[in-house]
Amino acid sequence: MDPVRYRQIVLFQNPASGTANADLRRRVRDRLGAMSDVFTEILVDPQLNLAERAAEAAREKADLVVVAGGDGTVREVAGALVSTDVTLAIVPFGTFNNLALSLKLPADPEAICDLIEAGRMRRIDVGMANEQHTFFEAAGVGVDADLFPIGEEVKSRRFLALGRAIRLALMHRQASVEIQLDRSVSAAYQNSFRGSELLKKRHRRLRSRKSRVRLRCSFVAIGNGPYYGSNFNVCPGARLDDGLFSIGVYRDFSKLELLRHFWSISGGHRHYHPKMEMFVSARVEVRSVGRLSVHVDGQPIGSTPVRFEVLPKALKVIAA
């Protein structure tokens, strides 16, 4: 098959992402420049309005936008390309690279360039919260959304945040949430786990023909893909192109277990969960009596009630 020739490629390079050296970045730049008629490189810095610059690239009819950076840079650029005809390629130079991991992209930048040159494109789903916040990895409702920003502070070596995490764990109580699905609870229900052990006993309320279920839990994860945070498989089995969210309801955390969960968020360790129920749905609404915090891809967006919807195949990407 002949190599693909691109009319216009825009490369967003984030020098602050990960540990990629200057030589690797130069090789990516040279490979991309050689396969395009018009090539533009943009260095990402704190003063750049990244989302607006990516939207400008889409308006200028670039046929490929490449991000050489981590999850935060990818998220900003990808959000501007949703529901456009512009293809996104990711060169995973970040620390965790969750979307790249879900797409099974190789770690070698040269191999990524080979995929780009071969035109290995596919369409993936995008999550939408409250009709305005896009996400590509996962969203969370409950104590997870409170812990996530604290974990980010710890990863940035702001260790005073550890005290806030401990206080939050000591004060934590499970909350009652009502989950509204787009199908019957019985049809949406997948399975239950304790740790990695599959639980076969099915509670009566999970056999309901109604489309609502009320459960007490620590948090609810809404997975567009399986991974978030430090490569945690928060929603096992989630797929990027099936038109469905995988919904994990995490239950029965003790205070010690919640601290272990926080440590996994901040340090990249194994994701620990005492018990979880899994559902699938293309649309889901989460309500609660008291307000619970909500995040999308680790970014706080407010509190419950919150509505989530899958935008099927709304983003074109280069994939393995």
Protein backbone atom coordinates (compact mmCIF):
# COMPACT_ATOMS: atom_id res chain seq x y z
CA MET A 1 0.00 0.00 0.00
CA ASP A 2 1.30 3.44 -0.95
CA PRO A 3 2.12 5.83 1.92
CA VAL A 4 -0.56 8.43 2.67
CA ARG A 5 0.25 11.99 1.66
CA TYR A 6 -1.34 14.66 3.89
CA ARG A 7 -2.28 18.08 2.65
CA GLN A 8 -1.77 19.82 6.00
CA ILE A 9 -0.41 18.50 9.31
CA VAL A 10 -0.40 20.50 12.54
CA LEU A 11 1.86 19.18 15.32
CA PHE A 12 1.37 20.25 18.94
CA GLN A 13 4.60 19.59 20.84
CA ASN A 14 4.48 19.83 24.63
CA PRO A 15 8.10 19.96 25.86
CA ALA A 16 6.90 19.70 29.48
CA SER A 17 5.23 16.31 28.94
CA GLY A 18 7.01 13.20 30.15
CA THR A 19 10.67 12.52 29.49
CA ALA A 20 10.98 12.53 25.68
CA ASN A 21 14.29 14.06 24.67
CA ALA A 22 14.92 16.66 21.99
CA ASP A 23 16.19 14.07 19.51
CA LEU A 24 12.98 12.03 19.69
CA ARG A 25 10.90 15.16 19.19
CA ARG A 26 13.06 16.22 16.22
CA ARG A 27 12.64 12.79 14.58
CA VAL A 28 8.86 13.01 14.92
CA ARG A 29 8.90 16.51 13.43
CA ASP A 30 11.05 15.41 10.50
CA ARG A 31 8.89 12.33 9.74
CA LEU A 32 5.66 14.34 9.79
CA GLY A 33 7.13 17.15 7.71
CA ALA A 34 8.18 14.65 5.05
CA MET A 35 4.63 13.26 4.63
CA SER A 36 2.75 16.58 4.34
CA ASP A 37 2.49 19.42 1.83
CA VAL A 38 2.08 22.01 4.60
CA PHE A 39 3.52 21.35 8.05
CA THR A 40 3.10 23.52 11.15
CA GLU A 41 4.67 22.89 14.55
CA ILE A 42 3.22 24.58 17.63
CA LEU A 43 5.06 24.48 20.96
CA VAL A 44 2.69 24.21 23.90
CA ASP A 45 3.30 26.58 26.80
CA PRO A 46 1.13 27.90 29.66
CA GLN A 47 0.23 31.05 27.72
CA LEU A 48 -1.16 29.14 24.71
CA ASN A 49 -4.94 28.74 24.45
CA LEU A 50 -4.56 25.15 23.35
CA ALA A 51 -8.22 24.36 22.70
CA GLU A 52 -8.70 27.51 20.61
CA ARG A 53 -5.51 26.87 18.61
CA ALA A 54 -6.65 23.30 17.89
CA ALA A 55 -10.08 24.57 16.84
CA GLU A 56 -8.33 27.03 14.52
CA ALA A 57 -6.43 24.13 12.92
CA ALA A 58 -9.77 22.41 12.27
CA ARG A 59 -11.22 25.59 10.74
CA GLU A 60 -8.16 25.86 8.50
CA LYS A 61 -8.97 22.36 7.16
CA ALA A 62 -5.92 20.55 8.48
CA ASP A 63 -6.46 16.88 7.67
CA LEU A 64 -4.25 15.65 10.53
CA VAL A 65 -3.54 17.09 13.98
CA VAL A 66 -0.78 15.38 15.98
CA VAL A 67 -0.23 15.73 19.73
CA ALA A 68 3.24 14.88 21.07
CA GLY A 69 2.46 15.08 24.77
CA GLY A 70 0.51 13.60 27.65
CA ASP A 71 -3.12 13.09 28.60
CA GLY A 72 -3.79 16.72 29.50
CA THR A 73 -2.53 18.01 26.15
CA VAL A 74 -4.39 15.27 24.28
CA ARG A 75 -7.62 16.11 26.10
CA GLU A 76 -7.49 19.80 25.22
CA VAL A 77 -6.73 19.20 21.54
CA ALA A 78 -9.12 16.27 21.11
CA GLY A 79 -11.98 18.26 22.59
CA ALA A 80 -11.66 20.80 19.78
CA LEU A 81 -11.76 18.05 17.11
CA VAL A 82 -14.94 16.25 18.25
CA SER A 83 -17.53 15.97 15.44
CA THR A 84 -15.10 17.35 12.85
CA ASP A 85 -13.49 15.52 9.92
CA VAL A 86 -9.97 16.15 11.28
CA THR A 87 -7.98 13.09 12.33
CA LEU A 88 -6.11 13.09 15.65
CA ALA A 89 -2.81 11.25 16.10
CA ILE A 90 -1.16 10.79 19.49
CA VAL A 91 2.57 10.45 20.06
CA PRO A 92 2.48 9.37 23.73
CA PHE A 93 5.16 11.43 25.44
CA GLY A 94 3.27 11.79 28.73
CA THR A 95 3.54 9.88 31.98
CA PHE A 96 0.46 7.64 31.74
CA ASN A 97 -1.02 8.13 28.22
CA ASN A 98 -4.41 6.58 28.97
CA LEU A 99 -6.09 7.22 25.62
CA ALA A 100 -3.01 5.95 23.77
CA LEU A 101 -3.10 2.84 25.95
CA SER A 102 -6.79 2.26 25.16
CA LEU A 103 -5.99 2.64 21.45
CA LYS A 104 -3.16 0.09 21.83
CA LEU A 105 -0.68 2.55 20.36
CA PRO A 106 3.00 1.58 20.45
CA ALA A 107 5.34 3.50 22.73
CA ASP A 108 7.92 3.95 19.96
CA PRO A 109 7.41 7.33 18.19
CA GLU A 110 8.79 5.90 14.93
CA ALA A 111 6.11 3.18 15.02
CA ILE A 112 3.45 5.87 15.57
CA CYS A 113 4.74 7.70 12.49
CA ASP A 114 4.50 4.43 10.54
CA LEU A 115 0.81 4.17 11.51
CA ILE A 116 0.25 7.78 10.45
CA GLU A 117 1.99 7.16 7.12
CA ALA A 118 -0.18 4.06 6.59
CA GLY A 119 -3.35 6.06 7.33
CA ARG A 120 -4.53 3.66 10.06
CA MET A 121 -7.64 5.62 11.02
CA ARG A 122 -10.68 4.60 13.07
CA ARG A 123 -13.54 6.43 14.77
CA ILE A 124 -14.06 6.31 18.52
CA ASP A 125 -16.82 7.37 20.89
CA VAL A 126 -16.67 10.48 23.04
CA GLY A 127 -18.35 11.00 26.40
CA MET A 128 -20.37 14.14 27.09
CA ALA A 129 -21.42 15.41 30.53
CA ASN A 130 -24.30 17.85 30.88
CA GLU A 131 -24.15 18.57 27.13
CA GLN A 132 -20.96 20.64 27.48
CA HIS A 133 -18.03 18.70 28.96
CA THR A 134 -16.37 16.14 26.68
CA PHE A 135 -14.29 13.29 28.02
CA PHE A 136 -12.32 10.46 26.44
CA GLU A 137 -11.24 8.30 29.41
CA ALA A 138 -13.73 8.24 32.29
CA ALA A 139 -15.89 10.41 34.51
CA GLY A 140 -16.51 9.95 38.23
CA VAL A 141 -19.23 10.85 40.70
CA GLY A 142 -18.63 10.83 44.46
CA VAL A 143 -15.56 10.67 46.67
CA ASP A 144 -13.36 9.73 43.70
CA ALA A 145 -14.02 13.20 42.25
CA ASP A 146 -12.96 14.75 45.58
CA LEU A 147 -9.78 12.68 45.78
CA PHE A 148 -8.69 13.11 42.16
CA PRO A 149 -7.48 16.74 42.38
CA ILE A 150 -5.73 15.97 45.68
CA GLY A 151 -3.94 13.08 43.97
CA GLU A 152 -2.82 15.43 41.21
CA GLU A 153 -1.32 17.75 43.84
CA VAL A 154 0.59 14.87 45.43
CA LYS A 155 1.91 13.81 42.00
CA SER A 156 3.19 17.40 41.69
CA ARG A 157 4.99 16.91 45.05
CA ARG A 158 2.64 19.20 47.00
CA PHE A 159 2.56 16.79 49.93
CA LEU A 160 0.49 18.99 52.25
CA ALA A 161 -2.47 17.62 50.26
CA LEU A 162 -1.94 14.27 52.00
CA GLY A 163 -3.52 15.70 55.14
CA ARG A 164 -6.63 16.66 53.18
CA ALA A 165 -6.88 13.13 51.79
CA ILE A 166 -6.66 11.61 55.26
CA ARG A 167 -9.33 13.97 56.62
CA LEU A 168 -11.58 13.19 53.66
CA ALA A 169 -11.18 9.44 54.20
CA LEU A 170 -11.93 9.73 57.92
CA MET A 171 -15.09 11.73 57.24
CA HIS A 172 -16.27 9.63 54.29
CA ARG A 173 -19.67 7.95 54.34
CA GLN A 174 -21.18 6.01 51.48
CA ALA A 175 -23.91 7.91 49.67
CA SER A 176 -27.18 6.73 48.21
CA VAL A 177 -27.31 7.39 44.45
CA GLU A 178 -30.06 6.85 41.90
CA ILE A 179 -28.79 5.78 38.49
CA GLN A 180 -31.13 6.28 35.53
CA LEU A 181 -30.21 4.14 32.52
CA ASP A 182 -31.45 4.07 28.92
CA ARG A 183 -32.58 0.43 29.24
CA SER A 184 -33.86 -1.85 31.97
CA VAL A 185 -31.57 -2.51 34.92
CA SER A 186 -31.65 -6.21 34.04
CA ALA A 187 -30.48 -5.49 30.47
CA ALA A 188 -27.81 -3.02 31.60
CA TYR A 189 -26.35 -5.16 34.40
CA GLN A 190 -23.12 -7.01 33.49
CA ASN A 191 -21.52 -8.50 36.59
CA SER A 192 -20.25 -7.93 40.14
CA PHE A 193 -16.72 -8.18 41.53
CA ARG A 194 -15.04 -8.29 44.91
CA GLY A 195 -11.44 -7.40 44.15
CA SER A 196 -10.71 -9.40 41.00
CA GLU A 197 -13.11 -12.21 41.98
CA LEU A 198 -16.32 -12.46 39.98
CA LEU A 199 -19.43 -12.66 42.20
CA LYS A 200 -22.16 -14.84 40.70
CA LYS A 201 -24.96 -14.07 43.15
CA ARG A 202 -27.23 -11.45 41.61
CA HIS A 203 -29.25 -9.16 43.85
CA ARG A 204 -32.98 -8.97 43.20
CA ARG A 205 -32.92 -5.25 42.43
CA LEU A 206 -30.41 -5.91 39.60
CA ARG A 207 -33.01 -8.11 37.87
CA SER A 208 -35.48 -5.22 37.65
CA ARG A 209 -37.31 -4.29 34.46
CA LYS A 210 -37.23 -0.66 35.56
CA SER A 211 -34.58 1.65 34.15
CA ARG A 212 -33.58 3.08 37.56
CA VAL A 213 -31.58 1.55 40.39
CA ARG A 214 -30.70 2.99 43.79
CA LEU A 215 -27.45 1.85 45.43
CA ARG A 216 -25.26 2.99 48.31
CA CYS A 217 -21.71 3.49 47.10
CA SER A 218 -18.47 5.43 47.45
CA PHE A 219 -18.37 6.51 43.82
CA VAL A 220 -19.64 5.79 40.33
CA ALA A 221 -17.22 5.59 37.37
CA ILE A 222 -18.54 6.27 33.86
CA GLY A 223 -16.05 4.74 31.44
CA ASN A 224 -15.74 5.70 27.79
CA GLY A 225 -12.52 3.69 27.80
CA PRO A 226 -11.14 1.40 30.49
CA TYR A 227 -8.31 3.55 31.88
CA TYR A 228 -8.01 6.78 33.80
CA GLY A 229 -5.63 8.39 36.29
CA SER A 230 -2.43 6.39 36.57
CA ASN A 231 -3.46 3.68 34.06
CA PHE A 232 -6.16 2.23 36.33
CA ASN A 233 -8.55 -0.19 34.71
CA VAL A 234 -11.45 1.59 36.40
CA CYS A 235 -14.12 0.17 34.07
CA PRO A 236 -13.02 -3.32 33.00
CA GLY A 237 -14.23 -4.24 29.53
CA ALA A 238 -14.97 -0.69 28.39
CA ARG A 239 -14.50 -0.22 24.63
CA LEU A 240 -13.95 3.03 22.78
CA ASP A 241 -16.17 2.21 19.80
CA ASP A 242 -19.21 0.25 21.03
CA GLY A 243 -21.53 3.23 21.57
CA LEU A 244 -21.85 2.41 25.29
CA PHE A 245 -20.48 3.55 28.62
CA SER A 246 -19.20 0.94 31.03
CA ILE A 247 -20.46 2.02 34.45
CA GLY A 248 -18.74 0.84 37.62
CA VAL A 249 -20.48 1.35 40.97
CA TYR A 250 -17.78 1.06 43.67
CA ARG A 251 -19.12 -0.03 47.05
CA ASP A 252 -18.19 -0.99 50.62
CA PHE A 253 -15.00 1.02 51.11
CA SER A 254 -13.68 1.14 54.66
CA LYS A 255 -11.68 4.23 55.61
CA LEU A 256 -8.43 2.30 55.20
CA GLU A 257 -9.50 0.99 51.79
CA LEU A 258 -10.38 4.50 50.70
CA LEU A 259 -6.89 5.67 51.62
CA ARG A 260 -5.46 2.78 49.62
CA HIS A 261 -7.60 3.87 46.68
CA PHE A 262 -6.30 7.45 47.06
CA TRP A 263 -2.73 6.16 47.09
CA SER A 264 -3.39 4.30 43.84
CA ILE A 265 -4.72 7.52 42.27
CA SER A 266 -1.69 9.56 43.28
CA GLY A 267 1.06 7.00 42.83
CA GLY A 268 0.19 4.74 39.93
CA HIS A 269 -0.25 1.58 41.96
CA ARG A 270 -2.77 -1.20 41.45
CA HIS A 271 -6.33 0.08 41.58
CA TYR A 272 -7.93 -1.42 44.64
CA HIS A 273 -11.69 -1.95 44.95
CA PRO A 274 -13.56 -3.91 47.63
CA LYS A 275 -16.70 -4.45 45.56
CA MET A 276 -18.19 -3.14 42.33
CA GLU A 277 -21.24 -3.62 40.13
CA MET A 278 -20.89 -3.15 36.36
CA PHE A 279 -23.57 -1.84 33.97
CA VAL A 280 -23.66 -0.61 30.35
CA SER A 281 -25.73 2.23 28.91
CA ALA A 282 -25.43 4.88 26.20
CA ARG A 283 -27.07 7.49 28.44
CA VAL A 284 -27.02 7.69 32.21
CA GLU A 285 -28.09 10.19 34.83
CA VAL A 286 -26.82 10.13 38.41
CA ARG A 287 -28.83 11.81 41.18
CA SER A 288 -28.26 11.96 44.92
CA VAL A 289 -29.97 13.46 47.97
CA GLY A 290 -26.87 15.42 48.96
CA ARG A 291 -24.61 16.95 46.33
CA LEU A 292 -21.74 14.73 45.16
CA SER A 293 -18.69 16.00 43.28
CA VAL A 294 -18.27 15.16 39.58
CA HIS A 295 -15.14 15.01 37.40
CA VAL A 296 -14.49 14.20 33.74
CA ASP A 297 -11.00 12.90 32.91
CA GLY A 298 -9.88 14.20 36.30
CA GLN A 299 -11.24 17.73 35.77
CA PRO A 300 -13.90 18.90 38.30
CA ILE A 301 -17.12 20.09 36.63
CA GLY A 302 -19.53 20.57 39.54
CA SER A 303 -21.88 18.29 41.40
CA THR A 304 -24.93 16.04 41.02
CA PRO A 305 -27.34 15.72 39.38
CA VAL A 306 -25.35 14.99 36.24
CA ARG A 307 -26.21 13.52 32.83
CA PHE A 308 -23.82 11.59 30.61
CA GLU A 309 -24.27 10.68 26.96
CA VAL A 310 -22.14 8.80 24.43
CA LEU A 311 -21.40 10.62 21.18
CA PRO A 312 -20.92 7.58 18.91
CA LYS A 313 -17.80 7.58 16.72
CA ALA A 314 -17.44 11.35 17.10
CA LEU A 315 -13.63 11.48 16.90
CA LYS A 316 -11.30 10.26 14.12
CA VAL A 317 -8.00 8.89 15.43
CA ILE A 318 -4.90 7.09 14.24
CA ALA A 319 -4.88 3.66 15.93
CA ALA A 320 -2.97 0.40 15.88
